[in-house]
Every structure is written in C-alpha cells, then in structure tokens.
C-alpha cells in the first residue's frame, strides 16, 4: 500500500506541474483526442 500510494502520489504530482503551468497547451493536447469540444477542453485543462 505504501509503495503504491507514494508511487501514484509522486506520479500524479509530477504529471500535474507542467500542465498547471501551461493550461493552453494542455487544452490543445486534450482537443487532439477528439472527445471534447474546445470549450470543455479548456475547462478540463485547468481542472484535471
């Protein structure tokens, strides 16, 4: 449990930093998946 907790915790924290600093670029990446529209992609790029 500890290994999984710290592993996933570190992974998520690491993964969040650059996306928090560059939400517009992350919104473009989300739009490229062609699942959400551009308006919703921008919200998701901020909140995820």
ModelCIF file with pLDDT and N, C-alpha, C, O atoms, coordinates in Angstrom:
data_MODEL
#
_entry.id   MODEL 
#
_entity.id                         1 
_entity.type                       polymer 
_entity.pdbx_number_of_molecules   1 
#
_entity_poly.entity_id                      1 
_entity_poly.type                           'polypeptide(L)' 
_entity_poly.nstd_linkage                   no 
_entity_poly.nstd_monomer                   no 
_entity_poly.pdbx_seq_one_letter_code       
;(UNK)(UNK)(UNK)(UNK)(UNK)(UNK)(UNK)(UNK)(UNK)(UNK)(UNK)(UNK)(UNK)(UNK)(UNK)(UNK)
(UNK)(UNK)(UNK)(UNK)(UNK)(UNK)(UNK)(UNK)(UNK)(UNK)(UNK)(UNK)(UNK)(UNK)(UNK)(UNK)
(UNK)(UNK)(UNK)(UNK)(UNK)(UNK)(UNK)(UNK)(UNK)(UNK)(UNK)(UNK)(UNK)(UNK)(UNK)(UNK)
;
_entity_poly.pdbx_seq_one_letter_code_can   XXXXXXXXXXXXXXXXXXXXXXXXXXXXXXXXXXXXXXXXXXXXXXXX 
_entity_poly.pdbx_strand_id                 A 
#
loop_
_entity_poly_seq.entity_id 
_entity_poly_seq.num 
_entity_poly_seq.mon_id 
_entity_poly_seq.hetero 
1 1  UNK n 
1 2  UNK n 
1 3  UNK n 
1 4  UNK n 
1 5  UNK n 
1 6  UNK n 
1 7  UNK n 
1 8  UNK n 
1 9  UNK n 
1 10 UNK n 
1 11 UNK n 
1 12 UNK n 
1 13 UNK n 
1 14 UNK n 
1 15 UNK n 
1 16 UNK n 
1 17 UNK n 
1 18 UNK n 
1 19 UNK n 
1 20 UNK n 
1 21 UNK n 
1 22 UNK n 
1 23 UNK n 
1 24 UNK n 
1 25 UNK n 
1 26 UNK n 
1 27 UNK n 
1 28 UNK n 
1 29 UNK n 
1 30 UNK n 
1 31 UNK n 
1 32 UNK n 
1 33 UNK n 
1 34 UNK n 
1 35 UNK n 
1 36 UNK n 
1 37 UNK n 
1 38 UNK n 
1 39 UNK n 
1 40 UNK n 
1 41 UNK n 
1 42 UNK n 
1 43 UNK n 
1 44 UNK n 
1 45 UNK n 
1 46 UNK n 
1 47 UNK n 
1 48 UNK n 
#
_struct_asym.id          A 
_struct_asym.entity_id   1 
#
loop_
_ma_qa_metric.id 
_ma_qa_metric.mode 
_ma_qa_metric.name 
_ma_qa_metric.software_group_id 
_ma_qa_metric.type 
1 global pLDDT . pLDDT 
2 local  pLDDT . pLDDT 
#
_ma_qa_metric_global.metric_id      1 
_ma_qa_metric_global.metric_value   90.42 
_ma_qa_metric_global.model_id       1 
_ma_qa_metric_global.ordinal_id     1 
#
loop_
_ma_qa_metric_local.label_asym_id 
_ma_qa_metric_local.label_comp_id 
_ma_qa_metric_local.label_seq_id 
_ma_qa_metric_local.metric_id 
_ma_qa_metric_local.metric_value 
_ma_qa_metric_local.model_id 
_ma_qa_metric_local.ordinal_id 
A UNK 1  2 89.00 1 1  
A UNK 2  2 91.00 1 2  
A UNK 3  2 94.00 1 3  
A UNK 4  2 95.00 1 4  
A UNK 5  2 95.00 1 5  
A UNK 6  2 96.00 1 6  
A UNK 7  2 96.00 1 7  
A UNK 8  2 96.00 1 8  
A UNK 9  2 96.00 1 9  
A UNK 10 2 96.00 1 10 
A UNK 11 2 95.00 1 11 
A UNK 12 2 96.00 1 12 
A UNK 13 2 96.00 1 13 
A UNK 14 2 95.00 1 14 
A UNK 15 2 92.00 1 15 
A UNK 16 2 94.00 1 16 
A UNK 17 2 92.00 1 17 
A UNK 18 2 90.00 1 18 
A UNK 19 2 91.00 1 19 
A UNK 20 2 93.00 1 20 
A UNK 21 2 92.00 1 21 
A UNK 22 2 89.00 1 22 
A UNK 23 2 89.00 1 23 
A UNK 24 2 89.00 1 24 
A UNK 25 2 89.00 1 25 
A UNK 26 2 88.00 1 26 
A UNK 27 2 89.00 1 27 
A UNK 28 2 88.00 1 28 
A UNK 29 2 88.00 1 29 
A UNK 30 2 89.00 1 30 
A UNK 31 2 88.00 1 31 
A UNK 32 2 87.00 1 32 
A UNK 33 2 87.00 1 33 
A UNK 34 2 87.00 1 34 
A UNK 35 2 87.00 1 35 
A UNK 36 2 82.00 1 36 
A UNK 37 2 78.00 1 37 
A UNK 38 2 77.00 1 38 
A UNK 39 2 82.00 1 39 
A UNK 40 2 90.00 1 40 
A UNK 41 2 86.00 1 41 
A UNK 42 2 89.00 1 42 
A UNK 43 2 92.00 1 43 
A UNK 44 2 91.00 1 44 
A UNK 45 2 89.00 1 45 
A UNK 46 2 91.00 1 46 
A UNK 47 2 95.00 1 47 
A UNK 48 2 94.00 1 48 
#
loop_
_atom_site.group_PDB 
_atom_site.id 
_atom_site.type_symbol 
_atom_site.label_atom_id 
_atom_site.label_alt_id 
_atom_site.label_comp_id 
_atom_site.label_asym_id 
_atom_site.label_entity_id 
_atom_site.label_seq_id 
_atom_site.pdbx_PDB_ins_code 
_atom_site.Cartn_x 
_atom_site.Cartn_y 
_atom_site.Cartn_z 
_atom_site.occupancy 
_atom_site.B_iso_or_equiv 
_atom_site.pdbx_formal_charge 
_atom_site.auth_seq_id 
_atom_site.auth_comp_id 
_atom_site.auth_asym_id 
_atom_site.auth_atom_id 
_atom_site.pdbx_PDB_model_num 
ATOM 1   N N  . UNK A 1 1  ? 0.833   -1.214 0.000   1.00 89.00 ? 1  UNK A N  1 
ATOM 2   C CA . UNK A 1 1  ? 0.000   0.000  0.000   1.00 89.00 ? 1  UNK A CA 1 
ATOM 3   C C  . UNK A 1 1  ? 0.864   1.260  0.000   1.00 89.00 ? 1  UNK A C  1 
ATOM 4   O O  . UNK A 1 1  ? 0.599   2.201  -0.747  1.00 89.00 ? 1  UNK A O  1 
ATOM 5   N N  . UNK A 1 2  ? 1.886   1.270  0.831   1.00 91.00 ? 2  UNK A N  1 
ATOM 6   C CA . UNK A 1 2  ? 2.761   2.450  0.882   1.00 91.00 ? 2  UNK A CA 1 
ATOM 7   C C  . UNK A 1 2  ? 3.468   2.680  -0.440  1.00 91.00 ? 2  UNK A C  1 
ATOM 8   O O  . UNK A 1 2  ? 3.529   3.810  -0.923  1.00 91.00 ? 2  UNK A O  1 
ATOM 9   N N  . UNK A 1 3  ? 4.000   1.625  -1.028  1.00 94.00 ? 3  UNK A N  1 
ATOM 10  C CA . UNK A 1 3  ? 4.699   1.760  -2.311  1.00 94.00 ? 3  UNK A CA 1 
ATOM 11  C C  . UNK A 1 3  ? 3.742   2.281  -3.380  1.00 94.00 ? 3  UNK A C  1 
ATOM 12  O O  . UNK A 1 3  ? 4.090   3.189  -4.135  1.00 94.00 ? 3  UNK A O  1 
ATOM 13  N N  . UNK A 1 4  ? 2.544   1.713  -3.446  1.00 95.00 ? 4  UNK A N  1 
ATOM 14  C CA . UNK A 1 4  ? 1.558   2.174  -4.433  1.00 95.00 ? 4  UNK A CA 1 
ATOM 15  C C  . UNK A 1 4  ? 1.118   3.610  -4.148  1.00 95.00 ? 4  UNK A C  1 
ATOM 16  O O  . UNK A 1 4  ? 0.990   4.415  -5.070  1.00 95.00 ? 4  UNK A O  1 
ATOM 17  N N  . UNK A 1 5  ? 0.885   3.933  -2.870  1.00 95.00 ? 5  UNK A N  1 
ATOM 18  C CA . UNK A 1 5  ? 0.484   5.292  -2.507  1.00 95.00 ? 5  UNK A CA 1 
ATOM 19  C C  . UNK A 1 5  ? 1.534   6.312  -2.926  1.00 95.00 ? 5  UNK A C  1 
ATOM 20  O O  . UNK A 1 5  ? 1.225   7.295  -3.600  1.00 95.00 ? 5  UNK A O  1 
ATOM 21  N N  . UNK A 1 6  ? 2.785   6.067  -2.518  1.00 96.00 ? 6  UNK A N  1 
ATOM 22  C CA . UNK A 1 6  ? 3.850   7.013  -2.844  1.00 96.00 ? 6  UNK A CA 1 
ATOM 23  C C  . UNK A 1 6  ? 4.152   7.022  -4.334  1.00 96.00 ? 6  UNK A C  1 
ATOM 24  O O  . UNK A 1 6  ? 4.468   8.069  -4.900  1.00 96.00 ? 6  UNK A O  1 
ATOM 25  N N  . UNK A 1 7  ? 4.055   5.859  -4.970  1.00 96.00 ? 7  UNK A N  1 
ATOM 26  C CA . UNK A 1 7  ? 4.283   5.789  -6.412  1.00 96.00 ? 7  UNK A CA 1 
ATOM 27  C C  . UNK A 1 7  ? 3.261   6.589  -7.194  1.00 96.00 ? 7  UNK A C  1 
ATOM 28  O O  . UNK A 1 7  ? 3.616   7.425  -8.025  1.00 96.00 ? 7  UNK A O  1 
ATOM 29  N N  . UNK A 1 8  ? 1.985   6.328  -6.924  1.00 96.00 ? 8  UNK A N  1 
ATOM 30  C CA . UNK A 1 8  ? 0.935   7.070  -7.620  1.00 96.00 ? 8  UNK A CA 1 
ATOM 31  C C  . UNK A 1 8  ? 0.928   8.540  -7.206  1.00 96.00 ? 8  UNK A C  1 
ATOM 32  O O  . UNK A 1 8  ? 0.707   9.421  -8.036  1.00 96.00 ? 8  UNK A O  1 
ATOM 33  N N  . UNK A 1 9  ? 1.168   8.801  -5.928  1.00 96.00 ? 9  UNK A N  1 
ATOM 34  C CA . UNK A 1 9  ? 1.213   10.185 -5.467  1.00 96.00 ? 9  UNK A CA 1 
ATOM 35  C C  . UNK A 1 9  ? 2.293   10.979 -6.181  1.00 96.00 ? 9  UNK A C  1 
ATOM 36  O O  . UNK A 1 9  ? 2.039   12.075 -6.680  1.00 96.00 ? 9  UNK A O  1 
ATOM 37  N N  . UNK A 1 10 ? 3.487   10.429 -6.228  1.00 96.00 ? 10 UNK A N  1 
ATOM 38  C CA . UNK A 1 10 ? 4.584   11.099 -6.921  1.00 96.00 ? 10 UNK A CA 1 
ATOM 39  C C  . UNK A 1 10 ? 4.317   11.252 -8.405  1.00 96.00 ? 10 UNK A C  1 
ATOM 40  O O  . UNK A 1 10 ? 4.609   12.295 -8.991  1.00 96.00 ? 10 UNK A O  1 
ATOM 41  N N  . UNK A 1 11 ? 3.760   10.211 -9.014  1.00 95.00 ? 11 UNK A N  1 
ATOM 42  C CA . UNK A 1 11 ? 3.429   10.246 -10.436 1.00 95.00 ? 11 UNK A CA 1 
ATOM 43  C C  . UNK A 1 11 ? 2.435   11.364 -10.741 1.00 95.00 ? 11 UNK A C  1 
ATOM 44  O O  . UNK A 1 11 ? 2.627   12.133 -11.682 1.00 95.00 ? 11 UNK A O  1 
ATOM 45  N N  . UNK A 1 12 ? 1.380   11.448 -9.946  1.00 96.00 ? 12 UNK A N  1 
ATOM 46  C CA . UNK A 1 12 ? 0.356   12.466 -10.186 1.00 96.00 ? 12 UNK A CA 1 
ATOM 47  C C  . UNK A 1 12 ? 0.880   13.879 -9.930  1.00 96.00 ? 12 UNK A C  1 
ATOM 48  O O  . UNK A 1 12 ? 0.584   14.797 -10.696 1.00 96.00 ? 12 UNK A O  1 
ATOM 49  N N  . UNK A 1 13 ? 1.649   14.057 -8.869  1.00 96.00 ? 13 UNK A N  1 
ATOM 50  C CA . UNK A 1 13 ? 2.210   15.378 -8.578  1.00 96.00 ? 13 UNK A CA 1 
ATOM 51  C C  . UNK A 1 13 ? 3.146   15.794 -9.702  1.00 96.00 ? 13 UNK A C  1 
ATOM 52  O O  . UNK A 1 13 ? 3.073   16.923 -10.187 1.00 96.00 ? 13 UNK A O  1 
ATOM 53  N N  . UNK A 1 14 ? 4.027   14.887 -10.119 1.00 95.00 ? 14 UNK A N  1 
ATOM 54  C CA . UNK A 1 14 ? 4.959   15.180 -11.208 1.00 95.00 ? 14 UNK A CA 1 
ATOM 55  C C  . UNK A 1 14 ? 4.214   15.514 -12.492 1.00 95.00 ? 14 UNK A C  1 
ATOM 56  O O  . UNK A 1 14 ? 4.565   16.466 -13.189 1.00 95.00 ? 14 UNK A O  1 
ATOM 57  N N  . UNK A 1 15 ? 3.180   14.727 -12.806 1.00 92.00 ? 15 UNK A N  1 
ATOM 58  C CA . UNK A 1 15 ? 2.427   14.922 -14.044 1.00 92.00 ? 15 UNK A CA 1 
ATOM 59  C C  . UNK A 1 15 ? 1.651   16.234 -14.047 1.00 92.00 ? 15 UNK A C  1 
ATOM 60  O O  . UNK A 1 15 ? 1.364   16.774 -15.115 1.00 92.00 ? 15 UNK A O  1 
ATOM 61  N N  . UNK A 1 16 ? 1.310   16.750 -12.889 1.00 94.00 ? 16 UNK A N  1 
ATOM 62  C CA . UNK A 1 16 ? 0.462   17.945 -12.830 1.00 94.00 ? 16 UNK A CA 1 
ATOM 63  C C  . UNK A 1 16 ? 1.221   19.250 -13.056 1.00 94.00 ? 16 UNK A C  1 
ATOM 64  O O  . UNK A 1 16 ? 0.648   20.208 -13.573 1.00 94.00 ? 16 UNK A O  1 
ATOM 65  N N  . UNK A 1 17 ? 2.493   19.305 -12.681 1.00 92.00 ? 17 UNK A N  1 
ATOM 66  C CA . UNK A 1 17 ? 3.198   20.584 -12.668 1.00 92.00 ? 17 UNK A CA 1 
ATOM 67  C C  . UNK A 1 17 ? 3.208   21.316 -14.000 1.00 92.00 ? 17 UNK A C  1 
ATOM 68  O O  . UNK A 1 17 ? 2.764   22.462 -14.075 1.00 92.00 ? 17 UNK A O  1 
ATOM 69  N N  . UNK A 1 18 ? 3.703   20.681 -15.045 1.00 90.00 ? 18 UNK A N  1 
ATOM 70  C CA . UNK A 1 18 ? 3.819   21.374 -16.324 1.00 90.00 ? 18 UNK A CA 1 
ATOM 71  C C  . UNK A 1 18 ? 2.448   21.695 -16.918 1.00 90.00 ? 18 UNK A C  1 
ATOM 72  O O  . UNK A 1 18 ? 2.281   22.710 -17.595 1.00 90.00 ? 18 UNK A O  1 
ATOM 73  N N  . UNK A 1 19 ? 1.472   20.829 -16.661 1.00 91.00 ? 19 UNK A N  1 
ATOM 74  C CA . UNK A 1 19 ? 0.123   21.088 -17.173 1.00 91.00 ? 19 UNK A CA 1 
ATOM 75  C C  . UNK A 1 19 ? -0.526  22.261 -16.450 1.00 91.00 ? 19 UNK A C  1 
ATOM 76  O O  . UNK A 1 19 ? -1.299  23.008 -17.050 1.00 91.00 ? 19 UNK A O  1 
ATOM 77  N N  . UNK A 1 20 ? -0.217  22.427 -15.162 1.00 93.00 ? 20 UNK A N  1 
ATOM 78  C CA . UNK A 1 20 ? -0.727  23.591 -14.423 1.00 93.00 ? 20 UNK A CA 1 
ATOM 79  C C  . UNK A 1 20 ? -0.081  24.870 -14.933 1.00 93.00 ? 20 UNK A C  1 
ATOM 80  O O  . UNK A 1 20 ? -0.742  25.904 -15.025 1.00 93.00 ? 20 UNK A O  1 
ATOM 81  N N  . UNK A 1 21 ? 1.193   24.809 -15.263 1.00 92.00 ? 21 UNK A N  1 
ATOM 82  C CA . UNK A 1 21 ? 1.911   25.989 -15.742 1.00 92.00 ? 21 UNK A CA 1 
ATOM 83  C C  . UNK A 1 21 ? 1.549   26.375 -17.172 1.00 92.00 ? 21 UNK A C  1 
ATOM 84  O O  . UNK A 1 21 ? 1.684   27.538 -17.551 1.00 92.00 ? 21 UNK A O  1 
ATOM 85  N N  . UNK A 1 22 ? 1.089   25.403 -17.975 1.00 89.00 ? 22 UNK A N  1 
ATOM 86  C CA . UNK A 1 22 ? 0.775   25.654 -19.386 1.00 89.00 ? 22 UNK A CA 1 
ATOM 87  C C  . UNK A 1 22 ? -0.611  25.113 -19.741 1.00 89.00 ? 22 UNK A C  1 
ATOM 88  O O  . UNK A 1 22 ? -0.716  24.151 -20.501 1.00 89.00 ? 22 UNK A O  1 
ATOM 89  N N  . UNK A 1 23 ? -1.663  25.709 -19.210 1.00 89.00 ? 23 UNK A N  1 
ATOM 90  C CA . UNK A 1 23 ? -3.010  25.158 -19.460 1.00 89.00 ? 23 UNK A CA 1 
ATOM 91  C C  . UNK A 1 23 ? -3.459  25.268 -20.915 1.00 89.00 ? 23 UNK A C  1 
ATOM 92  O O  . UNK A 1 23 ? -4.189  24.403 -21.399 1.00 89.00 ? 23 UNK A O  1 
ATOM 93  N N  . UNK A 1 24 ? -3.035  26.316 -21.617 1.00 89.00 ? 24 UNK A N  1 
ATOM 94  C CA . UNK A 1 24 ? -3.465  26.469 -23.012 1.00 89.00 ? 24 UNK A CA 1 
ATOM 95  C C  . UNK A 1 24 ? -2.903  25.334 -23.868 1.00 89.00 ? 24 UNK A C  1 
ATOM 96  O O  . UNK A 1 24 ? -3.629  24.735 -24.661 1.00 89.00 ? 24 UNK A O  1 
ATOM 97  N N  . UNK A 1 25 ? -1.622  25.041 -23.710 1.00 89.00 ? 25 UNK A N  1 
ATOM 98  C CA . UNK A 1 25 ? -1.000  23.957 -24.471 1.00 89.00 ? 25 UNK A CA 1 
ATOM 99  C C  . UNK A 1 25 ? -1.629  22.610 -24.114 1.00 89.00 ? 25 UNK A C  1 
ATOM 100 O O  . UNK A 1 25 ? -1.815  21.752 -24.977 1.00 89.00 ? 25 UNK A O  1 
ATOM 101 N N  . UNK A 1 26 ? -1.953  22.437 -22.834 1.00 88.00 ? 26 UNK A N  1 
ATOM 102 C CA . UNK A 1 26 ? -2.591  21.201 -22.415 1.00 88.00 ? 26 UNK A CA 1 
ATOM 103 C C  . UNK A 1 26 ? -4.007  21.097 -22.999 1.00 88.00 ? 26 UNK A C  1 
ATOM 104 O O  . UNK A 1 26 ? -4.455  20.001 -23.337 1.00 88.00 ? 26 UNK A O  1 
ATOM 105 N N  . UNK A 1 27 ? -4.706  22.218 -23.117 1.00 89.00 ? 27 UNK A N  1 
ATOM 106 C CA . UNK A 1 27 ? -6.047  22.215 -23.729 1.00 89.00 ? 27 UNK A CA 1 
ATOM 107 C C  . UNK A 1 27 ? -5.973  21.760 -25.184 1.00 89.00 ? 27 UNK A C  1 
ATOM 108 O O  . UNK A 1 27 ? -6.850  21.036 -25.656 1.00 89.00 ? 27 UNK A O  1 
ATOM 109 N N  . UNK A 1 28 ? -4.940  22.179 -25.887 1.00 88.00 ? 28 UNK A N  1 
ATOM 110 C CA . UNK A 1 28 ? -4.762  21.750 -27.283 1.00 88.00 ? 28 UNK A CA 1 
ATOM 111 C C  . UNK A 1 28 ? -4.537  20.237 -27.344 1.00 88.00 ? 28 UNK A C  1 
ATOM 112 O O  . UNK A 1 28 ? -5.081  19.557 -28.214 1.00 88.00 ? 28 UNK A O  1 
ATOM 113 N N  . UNK A 1 29 ? -3.735  19.720 -26.419 1.00 88.00 ? 29 UNK A N  1 
ATOM 114 C CA . UNK A 1 29 ? -3.499  18.273 -26.369 1.00 88.00 ? 29 UNK A CA 1 
ATOM 115 C C  . UNK A 1 29 ? -4.813  17.532 -26.120 1.00 88.00 ? 29 UNK A C  1 
ATOM 116 O O  . UNK A 1 29 ? -5.084  16.510 -26.750 1.00 88.00 ? 29 UNK A O  1 
ATOM 117 N N  . UNK A 1 30 ? -5.626  18.051 -25.198 1.00 89.00 ? 30 UNK A N  1 
ATOM 118 C CA . UNK A 1 30 ? -6.922  17.422 -24.910 1.00 89.00 ? 30 UNK A CA 1 
ATOM 119 C C  . UNK A 1 30 ? -7.826  17.457 -26.136 1.00 89.00 ? 30 UNK A C  1 
ATOM 120 O O  . UNK A 1 30 ? -8.502  16.473 -26.436 1.00 89.00 ? 30 UNK A O  1 
ATOM 121 N N  . UNK A 1 31 ? -7.844  18.576 -26.842 1.00 88.00 ? 31 UNK A N  1 
ATOM 122 C CA . UNK A 1 31 ? -8.659  18.684 -28.053 1.00 88.00 ? 31 UNK A CA 1 
ATOM 123 C C  . UNK A 1 31 ? -8.228  17.682 -29.112 1.00 88.00 ? 31 UNK A C  1 
ATOM 124 O O  . UNK A 1 31 ? -9.063  17.182 -29.866 1.00 88.00 ? 31 UNK A O  1 
ATOM 125 N N  . UNK A 1 32 ? -6.945  17.387 -29.179 1.00 87.00 ? 32 UNK A N  1 
ATOM 126 C CA . UNK A 1 32 ? -6.439  16.443 -30.179 1.00 87.00 ? 32 UNK A CA 1 
ATOM 127 C C  . UNK A 1 32 ? -6.992  15.034 -30.005 1.00 87.00 ? 32 UNK A C  1 
ATOM 128 O O  . UNK A 1 32 ? -6.991  14.253 -30.955 1.00 87.00 ? 32 UNK A O  1 
ATOM 129 N N  . UNK A 1 33 ? -7.462  14.698 -28.811 1.00 87.00 ? 33 UNK A N  1 
ATOM 130 C CA . UNK A 1 33 ? -8.069  13.389 -28.588 1.00 87.00 ? 33 UNK A CA 1 
ATOM 131 C C  . UNK A 1 33 ? -9.444  13.278 -29.246 1.00 87.00 ? 33 UNK A C  1 
ATOM 132 O O  . UNK A 1 33 ? -9.978  12.178 -29.389 1.00 87.00 ? 33 UNK A O  1 
ATOM 133 N N  . UNK A 1 34 ? -10.014 14.409 -29.645 1.00 87.00 ? 34 UNK A N  1 
ATOM 134 C CA . UNK A 1 34 ? -11.299 14.481 -30.352 1.00 87.00 ? 34 UNK A CA 1 
ATOM 135 C C  . UNK A 1 34 ? -12.438 13.812 -29.586 1.00 87.00 ? 34 UNK A C  1 
ATOM 136 O O  . UNK A 1 34 ? -13.251 13.084 -30.155 1.00 87.00 ? 34 UNK A O  1 
ATOM 137 N N  . UNK A 1 35 ? -12.473 14.079 -28.279 1.00 87.00 ? 35 UNK A N  1 
ATOM 138 C CA . UNK A 1 35 ? -13.555 13.561 -27.446 1.00 87.00 ? 35 UNK A CA 1 
ATOM 139 C C  . UNK A 1 35 ? -14.404 14.713 -26.944 1.00 87.00 ? 35 UNK A C  1 
ATOM 140 O O  . UNK A 1 35 ? -15.624 14.587 -26.838 1.00 87.00 ? 35 UNK A O  1 
ATOM 141 N N  . UNK A 1 36 ? -13.773 15.832 -26.635 1.00 82.00 ? 36 UNK A N  1 
ATOM 142 C CA . UNK A 1 36 ? -14.459 17.006 -26.102 1.00 82.00 ? 36 UNK A CA 1 
ATOM 143 C C  . UNK A 1 36 ? -14.293 18.184 -27.067 1.00 82.00 ? 36 UNK A C  1 
ATOM 144 O O  . UNK A 1 36 ? -13.353 18.213 -27.862 1.00 82.00 ? 36 UNK A O  1 
ATOM 145 N N  . UNK A 1 37 ? -15.191 19.134 -26.993 1.00 78.00 ? 37 UNK A N  1 
ATOM 146 C CA . UNK A 1 37 ? -15.062 20.347 -27.783 1.00 78.00 ? 37 UNK A CA 1 
ATOM 147 C C  . UNK A 1 37 ? -14.029 21.289 -27.176 1.00 78.00 ? 37 UNK A C  1 
ATOM 148 O O  . UNK A 1 37 ? -13.488 21.026 -26.101 1.00 78.00 ? 37 UNK A O  1 
ATOM 149 N N  . UNK A 1 38 ? -13.765 22.381 -27.870 1.00 77.00 ? 38 UNK A N  1 
ATOM 150 C CA . UNK A 1 38 ? -12.710 23.297 -27.410 1.00 77.00 ? 38 UNK A CA 1 
ATOM 151 C C  . UNK A 1 38 ? -13.075 23.982 -26.096 1.00 77.00 ? 38 UNK A C  1 
ATOM 152 O O  . UNK A 1 38 ? -12.201 24.184 -25.253 1.00 77.00 ? 38 UNK A O  1 
ATOM 153 N N  . UNK A 1 39 ? -14.330 24.342 -25.901 1.00 82.00 ? 39 UNK A N  1 
ATOM 154 C CA . UNK A 1 39 ? -14.733 24.995 -24.654 1.00 82.00 ? 39 UNK A CA 1 
ATOM 155 C C  . UNK A 1 39 ? -14.552 24.099 -23.445 1.00 82.00 ? 39 UNK A C  1 
ATOM 156 O O  . UNK A 1 39 ? -14.010 24.528 -22.427 1.00 82.00 ? 39 UNK A O  1 
ATOM 157 N N  . UNK A 1 40 ? -15.002 22.860 -23.549 1.00 90.00 ? 40 UNK A N  1 
ATOM 158 C CA . UNK A 1 40 ? -14.870 21.911 -22.445 1.00 90.00 ? 40 UNK A CA 1 
ATOM 159 C C  . UNK A 1 40 ? -13.414 21.496 -22.242 1.00 90.00 ? 40 UNK A C  1 
ATOM 160 O O  . UNK A 1 40 ? -12.985 21.240 -21.116 1.00 90.00 ? 40 UNK A O  1 
ATOM 161 N N  . UNK A 1 41 ? -12.660 21.430 -23.337 1.00 86.00 ? 41 UNK A N  1 
ATOM 162 C CA . UNK A 1 41 ? -11.239 21.080 -23.234 1.00 86.00 ? 41 UNK A CA 1 
ATOM 163 C C  . UNK A 1 41 ? -10.481 22.105 -22.400 1.00 86.00 ? 41 UNK A C  1 
ATOM 164 O O  . UNK A 1 41 ? -9.564  21.750 -21.660 1.00 86.00 ? 41 UNK A O  1 
ATOM 165 N N  . UNK A 1 42 ? -10.854 23.357 -22.514 1.00 89.00 ? 42 UNK A N  1 
ATOM 166 C CA . UNK A 1 42 ? -10.183 24.405 -21.729 1.00 89.00 ? 42 UNK A CA 1 
ATOM 167 C C  . UNK A 1 42 ? -10.477 24.255 -20.248 1.00 89.00 ? 42 UNK A C  1 
ATOM 168 O O  . UNK A 1 42 ? -9.586  24.430 -19.417 1.00 89.00 ? 42 UNK A O  1 
ATOM 169 N N  . UNK A 1 43 ? -11.717 23.931 -19.912 1.00 92.00 ? 43 UNK A N  1 
ATOM 170 C CA . UNK A 1 43 ? -12.065 23.711 -18.501 1.00 92.00 ? 43 UNK A CA 1 
ATOM 171 C C  . UNK A 1 43 ? -11.333 22.493 -17.954 1.00 92.00 ? 43 UNK A C  1 
ATOM 172 O O  . UNK A 1 43 ? -10.786 22.526 -16.852 1.00 92.00 ? 43 UNK A O  1 
ATOM 173 N N  . UNK A 1 44 ? -11.330 21.429 -18.731 1.00 91.00 ? 44 UNK A N  1 
ATOM 174 C CA . UNK A 1 44 ? -10.650 20.205 -18.309 1.00 91.00 ? 44 UNK A CA 1 
ATOM 175 C C  . UNK A 1 44 ? -9.154  20.454 -18.136 1.00 91.00 ? 44 UNK A C  1 
ATOM 176 O O  . UNK A 1 44 ? -8.537  19.929 -17.210 1.00 91.00 ? 44 UNK A O  1 
ATOM 177 N N  . UNK A 1 45 ? -8.577  21.251 -19.023 1.00 89.00 ? 45 UNK A N  1 
ATOM 178 C CA . UNK A 1 45 ? -7.142  21.548 -18.955 1.00 89.00 ? 45 UNK A CA 1 
ATOM 179 C C  . UNK A 1 45 ? -6.772  22.302 -17.689 1.00 89.00 ? 45 UNK A C  1 
ATOM 180 O O  . UNK A 1 45 ? -5.625  22.241 -17.247 1.00 89.00 ? 45 UNK A O  1 
ATOM 181 N N  . UNK A 1 46 ? -7.710  23.002 -17.109 1.00 91.00 ? 46 UNK A N  1 
ATOM 182 C CA . UNK A 1 46 ? -7.451  23.714 -15.854 1.00 91.00 ? 46 UNK A CA 1 
ATOM 183 C C  . UNK A 1 46 ? -7.697  22.807 -14.660 1.00 91.00 ? 46 UNK A C  1 
ATOM 184 O O  . UNK A 1 46 ? -6.910  22.806 -13.714 1.00 91.00 ? 46 UNK A O  1 
ATOM 185 N N  . UNK A 1 47 ? -8.780  22.033 -14.690 1.00 95.00 ? 47 UNK A N  1 
ATOM 186 C CA . UNK A 1 47 ? -9.182  21.273 -13.506 1.00 95.00 ? 47 UNK A CA 1 
ATOM 187 C C  . UNK A 1 47 ? -8.482  19.936 -13.332 1.00 95.00 ? 47 UNK A C  1 
ATOM 188 O O  . UNK A 1 47 ? -8.171  19.561 -12.202 1.00 95.00 ? 47 UNK A O  1 
ATOM 189 N N  . UNK A 1 48 ? -8.223  19.207 -14.404 1.00 94.00 ? 48 UNK A N  1 
ATOM 190 C CA . UNK A 1 48 ? -7.600  17.882 -14.264 1.00 94.00 ? 48 UNK A CA 1 
ATOM 191 C C  . UNK A 1 48 ? -6.210  17.963 -13.624 1.00 94.00 ? 48 UNK A C  1 
ATOM 192 O O  . UNK A 1 48 ? -5.555  16.937 -13.438 1.00 94.00 ? 48 UNK A O  1 
#
